Amino acid sequence: MKREITEYVAKCLVCQQAKEQITMDFVLGLSLASKNKDVIWVIVDKLTKLAHYIPMKTDYSLKKLDKFYISEITRIRDLLTDFRVSYKKRWAPS
């Protein structure tokens, strides 16, 4: 069965296409590290398969996040067709 699935995925054009999508999440409730950063902003670019881990403060405004995103992340990617944000109070392993 594993061989059949591998062969199917290798021949499937949809399966081989890169996903033009960025996902974001905030990991909260961390102990304070250097410079009082207590949140990690995780940004995953599924097209380039890059992940960005950005230490932040809980009290950063949306305007500050927006400026950082525009200056740093879009510099890497010219244009996004789809992005998703997930915000949860607490991270819990599944």
C-alpha atoms as a PDB file:
ATOM      1  CA  MET A   1       0.000   0.000   0.000  1.00  0.00           C
ATOM      2  CA  LYS A   2       2.832   2.427   0.825  1.00  0.00           C
ATOM      3  CA  ARG A   3       4.369   1.853  -2.611  1.00  0.00           C
ATOM      4  CA  GLU A   4       1.016   2.484  -4.330  1.00  0.00           C
ATOM      5  CA  ILE A   5       0.500   5.754  -2.459  1.00  0.00           C
ATOM      6  CA  THR A   6       4.036   6.903  -3.263  1.00  0.00           C
ATOM      7  CA  GLU A   7       3.527   6.159  -6.956  1.00  0.00           C
ATOM      8  CA  TYR A   8       0.142   7.917  -7.011  1.00  0.00           C
ATOM      9  CA  VAL A   9       1.478  11.069  -5.333  1.00  0.00           C
ATOM     10  CA  ALA A  10       4.490  11.107  -7.687  1.00  0.00           C
ATOM     11  CA  LYS A  11       2.165  11.078 -10.733  1.00  0.00           C
ATOM     12  CA  CYS A  12      -0.478  13.468  -9.353  1.00  0.00           C
ATOM     13  CA  LEU A  13      -0.038  16.997 -10.754  1.00  0.00           C
ATOM     14  CA  VAL A  14      -2.099  18.610  -7.990  1.00  0.00           C
ATOM     15  CA  CYS A  15       0.012  16.872  -5.338  1.00  0.00           C
ATOM     16  CA  GLN A  16       3.212  18.228  -6.901  1.00  0.00           C
ATOM     17  CA  GLN A  17       2.123  21.876  -7.019  1.00  0.00           C
ATOM     18  CA  ALA A  18       3.610  24.242  -4.480  1.00  0.00           C
ATOM     19  CA  LYS A  19       1.117  25.779  -2.103  1.00  0.00           C
ATOM     20  CA  GLU A  20       1.072  29.573  -2.366  1.00  0.00           C
ATOM     21  CA  GLN A  21       0.012  30.162   1.185  1.00  0.00           C
ATOM     22  CA  ILE A  22       1.410  31.569   4.392  1.00  0.00           C
ATOM     23  CA  THR A  23       0.222  30.512   7.819  1.00  0.00           C
ATOM     24  CA  MET A  24       0.846  32.387  11.052  1.00  0.00           C
ATOM     25  CA  ASP A  25       0.494  31.554  14.695  1.00  0.00           C
ATOM     26  CA  PHE A  26       1.497  33.076  18.014  1.00  0.00           C
ATOM     27  CA  VAL A  27       3.050  30.955  20.749  1.00  0.00           C
ATOM     28  CA  LEU A  28       2.095  32.644  24.021  1.00  0.00           C
ATOM     29  CA  GLY A  29       2.826  32.184  27.705  1.00  0.00           C
ATOM     30  CA  LEU A  30       6.583  31.828  27.441  1.00  0.00           C
ATOM     31  CA  SER A  31       8.883  32.863  30.251  1.00  0.00           C
ATOM     32  CA  LEU A  32      10.545  36.200  29.656  1.00  0.00           C
ATOM     33  CA  ALA A  33      13.751  35.914  27.685  1.00  0.00           C
ATOM     34  CA  SER A  34      16.172  38.619  26.660  1.00  0.00           C
ATOM     35  CA  LYS A  35      14.631  42.032  26.052  1.00  0.00           C
ATOM     36  CA  ASN A  36      11.341  40.923  27.697  1.00  0.00           C
ATOM     37  CA  LYS A  37      10.071  39.074  24.620  1.00  0.00           C
ATOM     38  CA  ASP A  38       7.349  36.649  25.734  1.00  0.00           C
ATOM     39  CA  VAL A  39       5.704  35.652  22.444  1.00  0.00           C
ATOM     40  CA  ILE A  40       7.017  33.895  19.349  1.00  0.00           C
ATOM     41  CA  TRP A  41       5.368  34.810  16.059  1.00  0.00           C
ATOM     42  CA  VAL A  42       5.628  31.778  13.781  1.00  0.00           C
ATOM     43  CA  ILE A  43       5.237  32.430  10.056  1.00  0.00           C
ATOM     44  CA  VAL A  44       5.401  29.467   7.668  1.00  0.00           C
ATOM     45  CA  ASP A  45       5.649  30.011   3.919  1.00  0.00           C
ATOM     46  CA  LYS A  46       4.417  26.826   2.275  1.00  0.00           C
ATOM     47  CA  LEU A  47       5.651  27.832  -1.187  1.00  0.00           C
ATOM     48  CA  THR A  48       9.291  28.371  -0.263  1.00  0.00           C
ATOM     49  CA  LYS A  49       9.069  25.975   2.700  1.00  0.00           C
ATOM     50  CA  LEU A  50      10.601  28.584   4.993  1.00  0.00           C
ATOM     51  CA  ALA A  51       9.622  29.165   8.597  1.00  0.00           C
ATOM     52  CA  HIS A  52      10.269  32.400  10.464  1.00  0.00           C
ATOM     53  CA  TYR A  53      10.356  32.484  14.277  1.00  0.00           C
ATOM     54  CA  ILE A  54      10.158  36.052  15.509  1.00  0.00           C
ATOM     55  CA  PRO A  55      10.392  36.918  19.222  1.00  0.00           C
ATOM     56  CA  MET A  56       7.922  39.639  20.190  1.00  0.00           C
ATOM     57  CA  LYS A  57       6.232  41.273  23.139  1.00  0.00           C
ATOM     58  CA  THR A  58       2.595  40.630  24.012  1.00  0.00           C
ATOM     59  CA  ASP A  59       1.807  44.341  23.873  1.00  0.00           C
ATOM     60  CA  TYR A  60       2.966  44.916  20.274  1.00  0.00           C
ATOM     61  CA  SER A  61       0.245  46.696  18.311  1.00  0.00           C
ATOM     62  CA  LEU A  62      -1.201  45.438  15.047  1.00  0.00           C
ATOM     63  CA  LYS A  63       0.376  48.438  13.362  1.00  0.00           C
ATOM     64  CA  LYS A  64       3.819  47.343  14.563  1.00  0.00           C
ATOM     65  CA  LEU A  65       3.177  43.744  13.444  1.00  0.00           C
ATOM     66  CA  ASP A  66       1.976  45.005  10.071  1.00  0.00           C
ATOM     67  CA  LYS A  67       5.085  47.140   9.540  1.00  0.00           C
ATOM     68  CA  PHE A  68       7.351  44.265  10.481  1.00  0.00           C
ATOM     69  CA  TYR A  69       5.494  41.853   8.215  1.00  0.00           C
ATOM     70  CA  ILE A  70       5.614  44.223   5.248  1.00  0.00           C
ATOM     71  CA  SER A  71       9.291  45.074   5.706  1.00  0.00           C
ATOM     72  CA  GLU A  72      10.612  41.586   6.436  1.00  0.00           C
ATOM     73  CA  ILE A  73       8.320  38.876   5.093  1.00  0.00           C
ATOM     74  CA  THR A  74       7.060  40.435   1.861  1.00  0.00           C
ATOM     75  CA  ARG A  75      10.654  41.272   1.050  1.00  0.00           C
ATOM     76  CA  ILE A  76      11.130  37.512   0.767  1.00  0.00           C
ATOM     77  CA  ARG A  77       7.873  36.865  -1.089  1.00  0.00           C
ATOM     78  CA  ASP A  78       6.660  39.298  -3.723  1.00  0.00           C
ATOM     79  CA  LEU A  79       2.956  38.543  -3.630  1.00  0.00           C
ATOM     80  CA  LEU A  80       0.748  36.332  -1.535  1.00  0.00           C
ATOM     81  CA  THR A  81      -2.414  34.770  -2.815  1.00  0.00           C
ATOM     82  CA  ASP A  82      -3.601  33.323   0.493  1.00  0.00           C
ATOM     83  CA  PHE A  83      -2.621  33.647   4.114  1.00  0.00           C
ATOM     84  CA  ARG A  84      -4.185  32.442   7.347  1.00  0.00           C
ATOM     85  CA  VAL A  85      -3.767  33.529  10.936  1.00  0.00           C
ATOM     86  CA  SER A  86      -4.418  31.339  13.936  1.00  0.00           C
ATOM     87  CA  TYR A  87      -4.552  32.866  17.398  1.00  0.00           C
ATOM     88  CA  LYS A  88      -4.923  30.692  20.475  1.00  0.00           C
ATOM     89  CA  LYS A  89      -4.534  31.627  24.119  1.00  0.00           C
ATOM     90  CA  ARG A  90      -2.628  28.487  24.968  1.00  0.00           C
ATOM     91  CA  TRP A  91      -0.583  26.006  22.999  1.00  0.00           C
ATOM     92  CA  ALA A  92      -1.439  22.422  23.783  1.00  0.00           C
ATOM     93  CA  PRO A  93       0.205  19.372  22.264  1.00  0.00           C
ATOM     94  CA  SER A  94      -2.161  17.059  20.465  1.00  0.00           C
END
